[in-house]
Amino acid sequence: MTQWVLREARRIAALAEAYRIDVSSNGATISARTTHGLFNGAQTLAQLATQTDKGWVLPAVAMLESRAQ
């Protein structure tokens, strides 16, 4: 299950492009302060996914990305 979370989170960098991704056996969560950050997080999550003979899988990861403007 993937959750799309748009919220003002003090732990997420102030840049509009910033986002956090958490992937575990319980699912994936993308958190961002803006829709731009949420979009960037979704793009990164798609890049992390790999296809296997059993379907699409994601690695367990916790990451914070704050791209410079």
Protein backbone atom coordinates (compact mmCIF):
# COMPACT_ATOMS: atom_id res chain seq x y z
CA MET A 1 0.00 0.00 0.00
CA THR A 2 1.27 3.50 -0.83
CA GLN A 3 0.16 6.51 1.16
CA TRP A 4 0.32 10.00 -0.36
CA VAL A 5 0.78 12.44 2.48
CA LEU A 6 0.84 16.19 1.94
CA ARG A 7 1.52 17.98 5.20
CA GLU A 8 3.57 20.69 6.73
CA ALA A 9 6.19 18.76 8.61
CA ARG A 10 8.93 20.56 10.50
CA ARG A 11 11.30 17.67 9.89
CA ILE A 12 11.10 18.23 6.15
CA ALA A 13 13.38 20.88 4.71
CA ALA A 14 11.83 24.25 3.90
CA LEU A 15 12.53 23.99 0.15
CA ALA A 16 9.42 23.51 -1.97
CA GLU A 17 11.01 20.51 -3.69
CA ALA A 18 11.80 18.64 -0.45
CA TYR A 19 10.19 15.29 0.42
CA ARG A 20 10.63 12.26 2.64
CA ILE A 21 10.12 8.65 1.59
CA ASP A 22 9.67 5.79 4.04
CA VAL A 23 9.30 2.26 2.68
CA SER A 24 8.87 -0.76 4.95
CA SER A 25 7.04 -4.07 4.89
CA ASN A 26 3.92 -2.08 5.89
CA GLY A 27 3.99 0.03 2.72
CA ALA A 28 5.39 3.30 1.41
CA THR A 29 4.76 6.85 2.61
CA ILE A 30 5.74 10.03 0.81
CA SER A 31 5.60 13.23 2.88
CA ALA A 32 6.13 16.74 1.54
CA ARG A 33 5.37 20.37 2.39
CA THR A 34 4.11 21.14 -1.14
CA THR A 35 2.56 19.37 -4.11
CA HIS A 36 5.85 19.96 -5.96
CA GLY A 37 7.69 18.00 -3.26
CA LEU A 38 5.05 15.27 -3.38
CA PHE A 39 5.50 15.01 -7.16
CA ASN A 40 9.28 14.74 -6.78
CA GLY A 41 8.84 12.05 -4.14
CA ALA A 42 6.55 10.07 -6.42
CA GLN A 43 9.12 10.27 -9.22
CA THR A 44 11.85 8.97 -6.91
CA LEU A 45 9.63 6.18 -5.60
CA ALA A 46 8.96 5.08 -9.18
CA GLN A 47 12.72 5.00 -9.84
CA LEU A 48 13.29 2.83 -6.76
CA ALA A 49 10.77 0.20 -7.90
CA THR A 50 12.08 -2.87 -9.69
CA GLN A 51 10.10 -5.55 -11.49
CA THR A 52 10.65 -9.18 -10.61
CA ASP A 53 8.96 -12.37 -11.70
CA LYS A 54 6.65 -11.90 -8.68
CA GLY A 55 5.73 -8.30 -9.51
CA TRP A 56 6.97 -4.85 -8.56
CA VAL A 57 9.03 -4.47 -5.38
CA LEU A 58 10.49 -1.56 -3.44
CA PRO A 59 13.57 -1.65 -1.24
CA ALA A 60 13.14 -0.80 2.43
CA VAL A 61 14.37 2.78 2.71
CA ALA A 62 14.01 5.98 4.71
CA MET A 63 15.26 9.05 2.85
CA LEU A 64 14.98 12.82 2.96
CA GLU A 65 15.68 14.72 -0.24
CA SER A 66 15.92 18.50 -0.43
CA ARG A 67 17.05 19.53 -3.87
CA ALA A 68 18.68 22.93 -4.18
CA GLN A 69 17.00 25.46 -6.43
